[in-house]
Amino acid sequence: MTQSRQLQCALKAIDEANQADPNREQVGNDMLPKEVAYSLHMTRWLHELEPEPSERMQIACRAQHIERWTMPRADFPEGRKAYYEWRQACGRMHGRRAAEIMGTCGYSKAECERVETILTKRELRKDEDTQLLEDVACMVFLERYFADFYDQNADYDREKWLRIVRRTWNKMSPRGHDAALKLAEGMPAHLLDLLNEALAEGS
C-alpha cells in the first residue's frame, strides 16, 4: 500500500518521538526502544486484522503508547481505581500528542480530532475504529507480553488470573476473538489452560 506524504510524515514523527524511550525490548536480534518496538507490534497486528487500514488507524495504532514512559504508573497511587485513572490519563496524552503531530503534517482539524477520540477509547464498542484499536492492542498483549506479565505476577491467585483473561477477552470483537484463538494454539501450555478455563467458565 502506497503511503501518502502526510502519513509518512506522521509515522516518522511518532517513531522519532518514541526513539527517546530509555527502556529497551528485544525484537529478534535487535534491542529497540520499548515504545518503538510496541508501535511496530501494533502496526503489524493492525495489518493482520485489517489488510487495508485507513490512515487514521495506522496513525492511531502507531501512537497507541507514544511517549508513555513520561507518565509512569508509579506516579499514581496503588489500587484498581488509580490504575484506571492512569490508563485514562495516558489515553488522553497519547491522543493529544498524535493530534499535534498530525496537525504539523497537514491533516485537517477534524482528522486530528478523530484520531484523538480513537486513542482515548471513549467510544469503545460503539465505534468501529476504536474497537479495532482495542483488538490490535489485545493481540499485541497476548502475543508479546502475556507470558512475561504472568511470570512477573505469579503470586496472583487463579481467580484473579481468570478475571484478567476474561476482561481482556470481553474487550475484543468477534474478529479479535478469532485471531486470539489462532494465536493461542502456540501459547505455552499453562497459558493455554488458563485461557480455556476462563472462556469455559465465562460462557
N, C-alpha and C. Protein backbone atom coordinates (compact mmCIF):
# COMPACT_ATOMS: atom_id res chain seq x y z
N MET A 1 0.84 -1.19 0.00
CA MET A 1 0.00 0.00 0.00
C MET A 1 0.89 1.25 0.00
N THR A 2 0.61 2.14 -0.94
CA THR A 2 1.38 3.38 -1.03
C THR A 2 0.95 4.34 0.07
N GLN A 3 1.92 4.91 0.77
CA GLN A 3 1.61 5.85 1.85
C GLN A 3 1.62 7.28 1.30
N SER A 4 0.66 8.07 1.79
CA SER A 4 0.64 9.47 1.41
C SER A 4 1.77 10.22 2.11
N ARG A 5 2.07 11.40 1.61
CA ARG A 5 3.11 12.22 2.24
C ARG A 5 2.75 12.53 3.69
N GLN A 6 1.48 12.83 3.94
CA GLN A 6 1.05 13.15 5.30
C GLN A 6 1.23 11.96 6.23
N LEU A 7 0.86 10.77 5.75
CA LEU A 7 1.00 9.58 6.59
C LEU A 7 2.47 9.29 6.87
N GLN A 8 3.31 9.38 5.88
CA GLN A 8 4.74 9.17 6.08
C GLN A 8 5.28 10.14 7.12
N CYS A 9 4.86 11.39 7.04
CA CYS A 9 5.30 12.41 7.98
C CYS A 9 4.88 12.06 9.41
N ALA A 10 3.62 11.66 9.57
CA ALA A 10 3.10 11.37 10.91
C ALA A 10 3.77 10.15 11.52
N LEU A 11 3.89 9.07 10.76
CA LEU A 11 4.52 7.86 11.29
C LEU A 11 5.99 8.10 11.64
N LYS A 12 6.67 8.86 10.81
CA LYS A 12 8.08 9.18 11.07
C LYS A 12 8.21 9.99 12.37
N ALA A 13 7.33 10.95 12.56
CA ALA A 13 7.39 11.80 13.77
C ALA A 13 7.08 10.99 15.02
N ILE A 14 6.13 10.08 14.93
CA ILE A 14 5.80 9.22 16.07
C ILE A 14 7.00 8.33 16.41
N ASP A 15 7.60 7.73 15.39
CA ASP A 15 8.77 6.87 15.62
C ASP A 15 9.92 7.66 16.24
N GLU A 16 10.14 8.87 15.75
CA GLU A 16 11.22 9.69 16.29
C GLU A 16 10.96 10.05 17.76
N ALA A 17 9.70 10.34 18.09
CA ALA A 17 9.36 10.64 19.48
C ALA A 17 9.63 9.43 20.38
N ASN A 18 9.27 8.25 19.90
CA ASN A 18 9.44 7.04 20.71
C ASN A 18 10.88 6.56 20.79
N GLN A 19 11.75 7.06 19.92
CA GLN A 19 13.16 6.72 20.00
C GLN A 19 13.79 7.18 21.31
N ALA A 20 13.16 8.15 21.97
CA ALA A 20 13.71 8.68 23.22
C ALA A 20 13.42 7.80 24.42
N ASP A 21 12.64 6.74 24.24
CA ASP A 21 12.32 5.84 25.35
C ASP A 21 13.61 5.22 25.90
N PRO A 22 13.89 5.41 27.19
CA PRO A 22 15.12 4.84 27.77
C PRO A 22 15.02 3.33 28.01
N ASN A 23 13.82 2.77 27.99
CA ASN A 23 13.62 1.34 28.19
C ASN A 23 13.85 0.59 26.88
N ARG A 24 14.22 -0.68 26.98
CA ARG A 24 14.55 -1.47 25.80
C ARG A 24 13.76 -2.77 25.77
N GLU A 25 13.51 -3.23 24.54
CA GLU A 25 12.85 -4.52 24.32
C GLU A 25 13.56 -5.24 23.17
N GLN A 26 13.80 -6.52 23.36
CA GLN A 26 14.45 -7.27 22.29
C GLN A 26 13.42 -7.74 21.27
N VAL A 27 13.70 -7.44 20.02
CA VAL A 27 12.87 -7.90 18.91
C VAL A 27 13.80 -8.58 17.92
N GLY A 28 13.70 -9.90 17.84
CA GLY A 28 14.65 -10.64 17.02
C GLY A 28 16.05 -10.49 17.60
N ASN A 29 16.97 -10.03 16.78
CA ASN A 29 18.35 -9.83 17.24
C ASN A 29 18.62 -8.40 17.67
N ASP A 30 17.60 -7.55 17.65
CA ASP A 30 17.78 -6.13 17.92
C ASP A 30 17.21 -5.74 19.28
N MET A 31 17.88 -4.78 19.94
CA MET A 31 17.35 -4.15 21.14
C MET A 31 16.82 -2.79 20.74
N LEU A 32 15.50 -2.62 20.83
CA LEU A 32 14.86 -1.39 20.40
C LEU A 32 14.31 -0.63 21.60
N PRO A 33 14.17 0.71 21.47
CA PRO A 33 13.41 1.44 22.49
C PRO A 33 12.04 0.77 22.65
N LYS A 34 11.61 0.56 23.87
CA LYS A 34 10.43 -0.26 24.12
C LYS A 34 9.20 0.22 23.36
N GLU A 35 8.95 1.54 23.36
CA GLU A 35 7.74 2.01 22.69
C GLU A 35 7.87 2.01 21.17
N VAL A 36 9.09 2.01 20.66
CA VAL A 36 9.28 1.78 19.22
C VAL A 36 8.87 0.35 18.90
N ALA A 37 9.35 -0.59 19.70
CA ALA A 37 9.00 -2.00 19.50
C ALA A 37 7.49 -2.20 19.59
N TYR A 38 6.89 -1.60 20.61
CA TYR A 38 5.45 -1.75 20.79
C TYR A 38 4.68 -1.21 19.60
N SER A 39 5.09 -0.05 19.10
CA SER A 39 4.38 0.56 17.97
C SER A 39 4.50 -0.30 16.72
N LEU A 40 5.63 -0.98 16.55
CA LEU A 40 5.80 -1.87 15.40
C LEU A 40 4.93 -3.12 15.55
N HIS A 41 4.81 -3.63 16.77
CA HIS A 41 3.89 -4.75 17.01
C HIS A 41 2.45 -4.32 16.68
N MET A 42 2.08 -3.12 17.10
CA MET A 42 0.74 -2.62 16.83
C MET A 42 0.49 -2.50 15.33
N THR A 43 1.46 -1.97 14.61
CA THR A 43 1.30 -1.82 13.16
C THR A 43 1.16 -3.18 12.49
N ARG A 44 1.96 -4.14 12.91
CA ARG A 44 1.91 -5.47 12.30
C ARG A 44 0.55 -6.12 12.53
N TRP A 45 0.04 -6.02 13.76
CA TRP A 45 -1.25 -6.65 14.04
C TRP A 45 -2.41 -5.89 13.39
N LEU A 46 -2.27 -4.60 13.23
CA LEU A 46 -3.31 -3.85 12.51
C LEU A 46 -3.48 -4.42 11.11
N HIS A 47 -2.37 -4.64 10.44
CA HIS A 47 -2.43 -5.15 9.06
C HIS A 47 -2.86 -6.61 9.03
N GLU A 48 -2.66 -7.34 10.13
CA GLU A 48 -3.16 -8.71 10.20
C GLU A 48 -4.69 -8.71 10.29
N LEU A 49 -5.24 -7.81 11.08
CA LEU A 49 -6.68 -7.78 11.30
C LEU A 49 -7.43 -7.00 10.23
N GLU A 50 -6.76 -6.02 9.63
CA GLU A 50 -7.39 -5.15 8.64
C GLU A 50 -6.39 -4.95 7.50
N PRO A 51 -6.48 -5.74 6.43
CA PRO A 51 -5.47 -5.70 5.35
C PRO A 51 -5.29 -4.34 4.70
N GLU A 52 -6.33 -3.51 4.66
CA GLU A 52 -6.21 -2.18 4.06
C GLU A 52 -6.70 -1.12 5.05
N PRO A 53 -5.94 -0.89 6.12
CA PRO A 53 -6.38 0.05 7.16
C PRO A 53 -6.32 1.49 6.67
N SER A 54 -7.19 2.30 7.24
CA SER A 54 -7.21 3.73 6.92
C SER A 54 -5.97 4.41 7.48
N GLU A 55 -5.69 5.60 6.98
CA GLU A 55 -4.55 6.36 7.51
C GLU A 55 -4.74 6.67 8.99
N ARG A 56 -5.96 7.02 9.38
CA ARG A 56 -6.18 7.36 10.79
C ARG A 56 -5.90 6.16 11.70
N MET A 57 -6.23 4.94 11.22
CA MET A 57 -5.95 3.77 12.05
C MET A 57 -4.46 3.44 12.09
N GLN A 58 -3.77 3.67 10.99
CA GLN A 58 -2.32 3.46 11.02
C GLN A 58 -1.64 4.41 11.99
N ILE A 59 -2.12 5.64 12.04
CA ILE A 59 -1.55 6.61 12.97
C ILE A 59 -1.94 6.27 14.40
N ALA A 60 -3.21 5.94 14.63
CA ALA A 60 -3.67 5.63 15.98
C ALA A 60 -2.92 4.44 16.55
N CYS A 61 -2.73 3.39 15.76
CA CYS A 61 -2.02 2.22 16.26
C CYS A 61 -0.56 2.52 16.53
N ARG A 62 0.06 3.31 15.67
CA ARG A 62 1.47 3.66 15.88
C ARG A 62 1.62 4.53 17.13
N ALA A 63 0.63 5.34 17.44
CA ALA A 63 0.70 6.28 18.56
C ALA A 63 0.04 5.76 19.83
N GLN A 64 -0.35 4.50 19.84
CA GLN A 64 -1.09 3.94 20.98
C GLN A 64 -0.36 4.14 22.30
N HIS A 65 0.96 4.06 22.30
CA HIS A 65 1.74 4.27 23.53
C HIS A 65 2.78 5.38 23.36
N ILE A 66 2.53 6.34 22.52
CA ILE A 66 3.54 7.35 22.26
C ILE A 66 3.99 8.04 23.55
N GLU A 67 5.29 7.99 23.80
CA GLU A 67 5.92 8.63 24.96
C GLU A 67 5.30 8.20 26.29
N ARG A 68 4.85 6.97 26.37
CA ARG A 68 4.19 6.52 27.61
C ARG A 68 5.14 6.53 28.80
N TRP A 69 6.43 6.36 28.57
CA TRP A 69 7.38 6.35 29.70
C TRP A 69 7.39 7.68 30.45
N THR A 70 6.87 8.75 29.83
CA THR A 70 6.84 10.05 30.51
C THR A 70 5.71 10.14 31.54
N MET A 71 4.82 9.14 31.56
CA MET A 71 3.73 9.12 32.53
C MET A 71 3.70 7.74 33.19
N PRO A 72 4.68 7.42 34.03
CA PRO A 72 4.78 6.08 34.61
C PRO A 72 3.65 5.77 35.58
N ARG A 73 3.34 4.49 35.67
CA ARG A 73 2.30 4.03 36.59
C ARG A 73 2.64 4.43 38.03
N ALA A 74 3.92 4.49 38.37
CA ALA A 74 4.34 4.80 39.74
C ALA A 74 3.95 6.21 40.16
N ASP A 75 3.62 7.07 39.20
CA ASP A 75 3.20 8.43 39.54
C ASP A 75 1.78 8.47 40.10
N PHE A 76 1.07 7.35 40.03
CA PHE A 76 -0.31 7.28 40.52
C PHE A 76 -0.35 6.33 41.71
N PRO A 77 -1.33 6.50 42.61
CA PRO A 77 -1.43 5.62 43.78
C PRO A 77 -1.68 4.17 43.40
N GLU A 78 -1.53 3.28 44.37
CA GLU A 78 -1.84 1.88 44.17
C GLU A 78 -3.35 1.69 44.10
N GLY A 79 -3.75 0.54 43.61
CA GLY A 79 -5.18 0.21 43.58
C GLY A 79 -5.78 0.27 42.19
N ARG A 80 -6.90 -0.45 42.04
CA ARG A 80 -7.54 -0.56 40.73
C ARG A 80 -8.07 0.78 40.23
N LYS A 81 -8.67 1.58 41.12
CA LYS A 81 -9.23 2.87 40.72
C LYS A 81 -8.13 3.77 40.14
N ALA A 82 -7.00 3.84 40.84
CA ALA A 82 -5.89 4.67 40.38
C ALA A 82 -5.30 4.12 39.09
N TYR A 83 -5.31 2.78 38.96
CA TYR A 83 -4.81 2.18 37.72
C TYR A 83 -5.63 2.65 36.53
N TYR A 84 -6.94 2.65 36.65
CA TYR A 84 -7.78 3.09 35.54
C TYR A 84 -7.64 4.60 35.30
N GLU A 85 -7.43 5.35 36.36
CA GLU A 85 -7.18 6.78 36.19
C GLU A 85 -5.89 7.00 35.40
N TRP A 86 -4.87 6.20 35.70
CA TRP A 86 -3.60 6.28 34.95
C TRP A 86 -3.83 5.93 33.48
N ARG A 87 -4.56 4.85 33.23
CA ARG A 87 -4.82 4.44 31.85
C ARG A 87 -5.56 5.53 31.07
N GLN A 88 -6.53 6.16 31.72
CA GLN A 88 -7.29 7.22 31.06
C GLN A 88 -6.41 8.44 30.79
N ALA A 89 -5.55 8.76 31.76
CA ALA A 89 -4.63 9.89 31.58
C ALA A 89 -3.66 9.61 30.43
N CYS A 90 -3.18 8.38 30.35
CA CYS A 90 -2.29 8.01 29.24
C CYS A 90 -3.02 8.15 27.92
N GLY A 91 -4.25 7.67 27.84
CA GLY A 91 -5.01 7.76 26.60
C GLY A 91 -5.19 9.20 26.15
N ARG A 92 -5.47 10.07 27.09
CA ARG A 92 -5.63 11.49 26.74
C ARG A 92 -4.32 12.08 26.23
N MET A 93 -3.22 11.71 26.89
CA MET A 93 -1.92 12.21 26.47
C MET A 93 -1.54 11.69 25.09
N HIS A 94 -1.76 10.40 24.86
CA HIS A 94 -1.44 9.82 23.56
C HIS A 94 -2.28 10.47 22.46
N GLY A 95 -3.55 10.68 22.74
CA GLY A 95 -4.42 11.31 21.75
C GLY A 95 -4.00 12.73 21.43
N ARG A 96 -3.65 13.46 22.47
CA ARG A 96 -3.21 14.84 22.27
C ARG A 96 -1.93 14.91 21.45
N ARG A 97 -0.96 14.05 21.77
CA ARG A 97 0.31 14.06 21.04
C ARG A 97 0.12 13.64 19.58
N ALA A 98 -0.71 12.63 19.36
CA ALA A 98 -0.97 12.20 17.99
C ALA A 98 -1.62 13.31 17.19
N ALA A 99 -2.57 14.01 17.79
CA ALA A 99 -3.26 15.11 17.10
C ALA A 99 -2.28 16.24 16.79
N GLU A 100 -1.39 16.54 17.73
CA GLU A 100 -0.38 17.58 17.50
C GLU A 100 0.49 17.23 16.31
N ILE A 101 0.95 15.99 16.26
CA ILE A 101 1.81 15.55 15.17
C ILE A 101 1.06 15.60 13.84
N MET A 102 -0.16 15.12 13.85
CA MET A 102 -0.95 15.13 12.62
C MET A 102 -1.14 16.55 12.10
N GLY A 103 -1.35 17.48 13.01
CA GLY A 103 -1.54 18.87 12.60
C GLY A 103 -0.31 19.42 11.91
N THR A 104 0.87 19.09 12.43
CA THR A 104 2.10 19.58 11.80
C THR A 104 2.36 18.91 10.46
N CYS A 105 1.73 17.76 10.22
CA CYS A 105 1.91 17.04 8.96
C CYS A 105 0.84 17.38 7.93
N GLY A 106 -0.05 18.31 8.27
CA GLY A 106 -1.01 18.79 7.29
C GLY A 106 -2.38 18.17 7.32
N TYR A 107 -2.68 17.35 8.33
CA TYR A 107 -4.02 16.79 8.45
C TYR A 107 -4.99 17.86 8.93
N SER A 108 -6.24 17.74 8.55
CA SER A 108 -7.26 18.71 8.95
C SER A 108 -7.55 18.58 10.45
N LYS A 109 -8.16 19.60 11.01
CA LYS A 109 -8.52 19.58 12.42
C LYS A 109 -9.47 18.42 12.72
N ALA A 110 -10.41 18.17 11.80
CA ALA A 110 -11.36 17.08 12.01
C ALA A 110 -10.65 15.72 12.05
N GLU A 111 -9.66 15.53 11.17
CA GLU A 111 -8.91 14.27 11.15
C GLU A 111 -8.09 14.11 12.42
N CYS A 112 -7.50 15.19 12.89
CA CYS A 112 -6.72 15.15 14.14
C CYS A 112 -7.61 14.80 15.32
N GLU A 113 -8.77 15.42 15.38
CA GLU A 113 -9.70 15.16 16.49
C GLU A 113 -10.23 13.74 16.45
N ARG A 114 -10.40 13.22 15.24
CA ARG A 114 -10.89 11.84 15.10
C ARG A 114 -9.91 10.85 15.70
N VAL A 115 -8.63 11.00 15.39
CA VAL A 115 -7.62 10.10 15.94
C VAL A 115 -7.50 10.29 17.46
N GLU A 116 -7.62 11.51 17.91
CA GLU A 116 -7.57 11.76 19.36
C GLU A 116 -8.70 11.02 20.06
N THR A 117 -9.89 11.04 19.48
CA THR A 117 -11.03 10.34 20.05
C THR A 117 -10.79 8.83 20.07
N ILE A 118 -10.25 8.29 18.99
CA ILE A 118 -9.97 6.86 18.93
C ILE A 118 -9.01 6.46 20.05
N LEU A 119 -7.96 7.25 20.26
CA LEU A 119 -6.94 6.89 21.24
C LEU A 119 -7.43 7.03 22.68
N THR A 120 -8.41 7.87 22.93
CA THR A 120 -8.95 7.96 24.29
C THR A 120 -9.91 6.82 24.58
N LYS A 121 -10.34 6.11 23.53
CA LYS A 121 -11.22 4.94 23.65
C LYS A 121 -12.54 5.24 24.35
N ARG A 122 -13.00 6.47 24.18
CA ARG A 122 -14.27 6.85 24.81
C ARG A 122 -15.45 6.14 24.16
N GLU A 123 -15.29 5.73 22.90
CA GLU A 123 -16.40 5.12 22.18
C GLU A 123 -16.18 3.63 21.94
N LEU A 124 -15.46 2.96 22.83
CA LEU A 124 -15.23 1.53 22.67
C LEU A 124 -16.56 0.80 22.58
N ARG A 125 -16.65 -0.13 21.64
CA ARG A 125 -17.84 -0.93 21.33
C ARG A 125 -18.83 -0.17 20.45
N LYS A 126 -18.88 1.15 20.54
CA LYS A 126 -19.80 1.92 19.71
C LYS A 126 -19.16 2.34 18.39
N ASP A 127 -17.83 2.46 18.37
CA ASP A 127 -17.11 2.99 17.22
C ASP A 127 -16.20 1.90 16.63
N GLU A 128 -16.32 1.64 15.34
CA GLU A 128 -15.56 0.55 14.72
C GLU A 128 -14.05 0.78 14.80
N ASP A 129 -13.62 2.01 14.61
CA ASP A 129 -12.19 2.30 14.67
C ASP A 129 -11.63 2.08 16.07
N THR A 130 -12.36 2.54 17.07
CA THR A 130 -11.91 2.37 18.45
C THR A 130 -11.86 0.89 18.81
N GLN A 131 -12.85 0.14 18.36
CA GLN A 131 -12.86 -1.30 18.64
C GLN A 131 -11.70 -2.00 17.95
N LEU A 132 -11.39 -1.59 16.72
CA LEU A 132 -10.25 -2.18 16.02
C LEU A 132 -8.96 -1.89 16.77
N LEU A 133 -8.79 -0.67 17.25
CA LEU A 133 -7.60 -0.34 18.04
C LEU A 133 -7.49 -1.25 19.26
N GLU A 134 -8.61 -1.48 19.93
CA GLU A 134 -8.60 -2.33 21.13
C GLU A 134 -8.26 -3.77 20.76
N ASP A 135 -8.82 -4.26 19.66
CA ASP A 135 -8.49 -5.62 19.21
C ASP A 135 -6.99 -5.75 18.95
N VAL A 136 -6.42 -4.77 18.26
CA VAL A 136 -4.99 -4.80 17.96
C VAL A 136 -4.18 -4.80 19.25
N ALA A 137 -4.53 -3.92 20.19
CA ALA A 137 -3.79 -3.83 21.45
C ALA A 137 -3.87 -5.14 22.23
N CYS A 138 -5.04 -5.78 22.23
CA CYS A 138 -5.19 -7.05 22.94
C CYS A 138 -4.34 -8.14 22.29
N MET A 139 -4.28 -8.15 20.96
CA MET A 139 -3.46 -9.15 20.28
C MET A 139 -1.98 -8.95 20.58
N VAL A 140 -1.54 -7.70 20.63
CA VAL A 140 -0.15 -7.43 20.98
C VAL A 140 0.14 -7.90 22.40
N PHE A 141 -0.76 -7.65 23.32
CA PHE A 141 -0.57 -8.09 24.71
C PHE A 141 -0.47 -9.61 24.77
N LEU A 142 -1.41 -10.29 24.12
CA LEU A 142 -1.42 -11.75 24.18
C LEU A 142 -0.17 -12.36 23.55
N GLU A 143 0.27 -11.80 22.45
CA GLU A 143 1.43 -12.36 21.75
C GLU A 143 2.75 -12.02 22.43
N ARG A 144 2.92 -10.77 22.83
CA ARG A 144 4.23 -10.29 23.24
C ARG A 144 4.44 -10.16 24.75
N TYR A 145 3.37 -9.91 25.50
CA TYR A 145 3.56 -9.51 26.89
C TYR A 145 2.83 -10.38 27.92
N PHE A 146 1.91 -11.20 27.49
CA PHE A 146 1.12 -12.01 28.42
C PHE A 146 2.01 -12.94 29.23
N ALA A 147 2.93 -13.63 28.58
CA ALA A 147 3.77 -14.60 29.28
C ALA A 147 4.64 -13.93 30.34
N ASP A 148 5.26 -12.81 29.99
CA ASP A 148 6.09 -12.09 30.96
C ASP A 148 5.24 -11.53 32.09
N PHE A 149 4.07 -11.01 31.75
CA PHE A 149 3.18 -10.46 32.77
C PHE A 149 2.79 -11.56 33.75
N TYR A 150 2.53 -12.75 33.24
CA TYR A 150 2.18 -13.88 34.10
C TYR A 150 3.34 -14.23 35.03
N ASP A 151 4.54 -14.29 34.49
CA ASP A 151 5.71 -14.64 35.31
C ASP A 151 5.98 -13.58 36.37
N GLN A 152 5.77 -12.31 36.03
CA GLN A 152 6.03 -11.22 36.97
C GLN A 152 5.00 -11.14 38.09
N ASN A 153 3.86 -11.77 37.87
CA ASN A 153 2.77 -11.72 38.87
C ASN A 153 2.32 -13.12 39.25
N ALA A 154 3.29 -13.98 39.44
CA ALA A 154 3.00 -15.38 39.74
C ALA A 154 2.27 -15.56 41.07
N ASP A 155 2.29 -14.52 41.92
CA ASP A 155 1.63 -14.63 43.21
C ASP A 155 0.12 -14.39 43.12
N TYR A 156 -0.38 -13.96 41.96
CA TYR A 156 -1.83 -13.80 41.80
C TYR A 156 -2.49 -15.17 41.94
N ASP A 157 -3.66 -15.21 42.60
CA ASP A 157 -4.36 -16.48 42.68
C ASP A 157 -5.10 -16.77 41.37
N ARG A 158 -5.56 -18.00 41.25
CA ARG A 158 -6.17 -18.45 39.99
C ARG A 158 -7.37 -17.59 39.59
N GLU A 159 -8.20 -17.25 40.56
CA GLU A 159 -9.40 -16.48 40.25
C GLU A 159 -9.05 -15.09 39.71
N LYS A 160 -8.00 -14.49 40.22
CA LYS A 160 -7.60 -13.18 39.70
C LYS A 160 -7.14 -13.31 38.26
N TRP A 161 -6.39 -14.37 37.96
CA TRP A 161 -5.94 -14.56 36.58
C TRP A 161 -7.12 -14.81 35.65
N LEU A 162 -8.10 -15.55 36.10
CA LEU A 162 -9.28 -15.80 35.27
C LEU A 162 -10.02 -14.50 34.99
N ARG A 163 -10.09 -13.62 35.98
CA ARG A 163 -10.76 -12.32 35.77
C ARG A 163 -10.00 -11.47 34.76
N ILE A 164 -8.66 -11.49 34.85
CA ILE A 164 -7.84 -10.72 33.91
C ILE A 164 -8.06 -11.20 32.48
N VAL A 165 -8.04 -12.51 32.30
CA VAL A 165 -8.23 -13.06 30.96
C VAL A 165 -9.61 -12.74 30.44
N ARG A 166 -10.62 -12.88 31.28
CA ARG A 166 -12.00 -12.58 30.82
C ARG A 166 -12.17 -11.12 30.48
N ARG A 167 -11.55 -10.23 31.27
CA ARG A 167 -11.66 -8.80 30.95
C ARG A 167 -11.03 -8.50 29.60
N THR A 168 -9.87 -9.09 29.36
CA THR A 168 -9.22 -8.90 28.06
C THR A 168 -10.12 -9.42 26.94
N TRP A 169 -10.64 -10.62 27.12
CA TRP A 169 -11.50 -11.24 26.10
C TRP A 169 -12.75 -10.40 25.84
N ASN A 170 -13.34 -9.88 26.89
CA ASN A 170 -14.59 -9.14 26.75
C ASN A 170 -14.42 -7.80 26.07
N LYS A 171 -13.19 -7.30 26.00
CA LYS A 171 -12.93 -6.04 25.30
C LYS A 171 -12.80 -6.23 23.80
N MET A 172 -12.71 -7.48 23.36
CA MET A 172 -12.43 -7.77 21.96
C MET A 172 -13.71 -8.07 21.17
N SER A 173 -13.63 -7.85 19.87
CA SER A 173 -14.73 -8.14 18.96
C SER A 173 -14.62 -9.60 18.49
N PRO A 174 -15.65 -10.10 17.80
CA PRO A 174 -15.53 -11.45 17.23
C PRO A 174 -14.31 -11.62 16.34
N ARG A 175 -13.95 -10.59 15.58
CA ARG A 175 -12.76 -10.67 14.75
C ARG A 175 -11.51 -10.86 15.62
N GLY A 176 -11.44 -10.12 16.72
CA GLY A 176 -10.32 -10.28 17.64
C GLY A 176 -10.31 -11.65 18.29
N HIS A 177 -11.50 -12.16 18.65
CA HIS A 177 -11.59 -13.49 19.25
C HIS A 177 -11.03 -14.55 18.31
N ASP A 178 -11.39 -14.47 17.04
CA ASP A 178 -10.90 -15.46 16.08
C ASP A 178 -9.37 -15.43 15.99
N ALA A 179 -8.81 -14.23 15.94
CA ALA A 179 -7.35 -14.10 15.86
C ALA A 179 -6.70 -14.61 17.14
N ALA A 180 -7.31 -14.33 18.29
CA ALA A 180 -6.74 -14.75 19.57
C ALA A 180 -6.74 -16.27 19.70
N LEU A 181 -7.80 -16.92 19.23
CA LEU A 181 -7.86 -18.38 19.32
C LEU A 181 -6.79 -19.03 18.44
N LYS A 182 -6.54 -18.44 17.28
CA LYS A 182 -5.47 -18.96 16.42
C LYS A 182 -4.11 -18.76 17.08
N LEU A 183 -3.91 -17.58 17.67
CA LEU A 183 -2.65 -17.30 18.36
C LEU A 183 -2.45 -18.25 19.54
N ALA A 184 -3.54 -18.56 20.24
CA ALA A 184 -3.46 -19.38 21.45
C ALA A 184 -2.91 -20.77 21.19
N GLU A 185 -3.03 -21.24 19.96
CA GLU A 185 -2.54 -22.57 19.63
C GLU A 185 -1.04 -22.69 19.87
N GLY A 186 -0.33 -21.57 19.81
CA GLY A 186 1.12 -21.61 20.03
C GLY A 186 1.55 -21.13 21.40
N MET A 187 0.60 -20.90 22.30
CA MET A 187 0.94 -20.43 23.64
C MET A 187 1.52 -21.55 24.50
N PRO A 188 2.32 -21.20 25.51
CA PRO A 188 2.75 -22.21 26.48
C PRO A 188 1.54 -22.89 27.11
N ALA A 189 1.70 -24.12 27.50
CA ALA A 189 0.57 -24.93 27.96
C ALA A 189 -0.16 -24.28 29.14
N HIS A 190 0.58 -23.68 30.07
CA HIS A 190 -0.09 -23.13 31.26
C HIS A 190 -0.95 -21.92 30.90
N LEU A 191 -0.54 -21.15 29.89
CA LEU A 191 -1.34 -20.00 29.48
C LEU A 191 -2.55 -20.46 28.66
N LEU A 192 -2.36 -21.47 27.84
CA LEU A 192 -3.48 -22.01 27.08
C LEU A 192 -4.53 -22.61 28.01
N ASP A 193 -4.08 -23.31 29.04
CA ASP A 193 -5.02 -23.87 30.02
C ASP A 193 -5.81 -22.77 30.72
N LEU A 194 -5.11 -21.69 31.07
CA LEU A 194 -5.77 -20.57 31.72
C LEU A 194 -6.82 -19.95 30.81
N LEU A 195 -6.47 -19.74 29.54
CA LEU A 195 -7.41 -19.18 28.59
C LEU A 195 -8.63 -20.07 28.42
N ASN A 196 -8.39 -21.36 28.25
CA ASN A 196 -9.51 -22.29 28.06
C ASN A 196 -10.43 -22.32 29.28
N GLU A 197 -9.83 -22.30 30.47
CA GLU A 197 -10.64 -22.31 31.69
C GLU A 197 -11.46 -21.02 31.81
N ALA A 198 -10.84 -19.89 31.50
CA ALA A 198 -11.55 -18.62 31.60
C ALA A 198 -12.72 -18.56 30.63
N LEU A 199 -12.51 -19.04 29.43
CA LEU A 199 -13.58 -18.99 28.43
C LEU A 199 -14.67 -20.00 28.73
N ALA A 200 -14.30 -21.17 29.23
CA ALA A 200 -15.29 -22.18 29.55
C ALA A 200 -16.20 -21.73 30.68
N GLU A 201 -15.63 -21.11 31.72
CA GLU A 201 -16.43 -20.67 32.86
C GLU A 201 -17.16 -19.37 32.56
N GLY A 202 -16.64 -18.61 31.58
CA GLY A 202 -17.28 -17.34 31.25
C GLY A 202 -18.37 -17.46 30.23
N SER A 203 -18.53 -18.66 29.62
CA SER A 203 -19.53 -18.84 28.57
C SER A 203 -20.91 -19.11 29.14
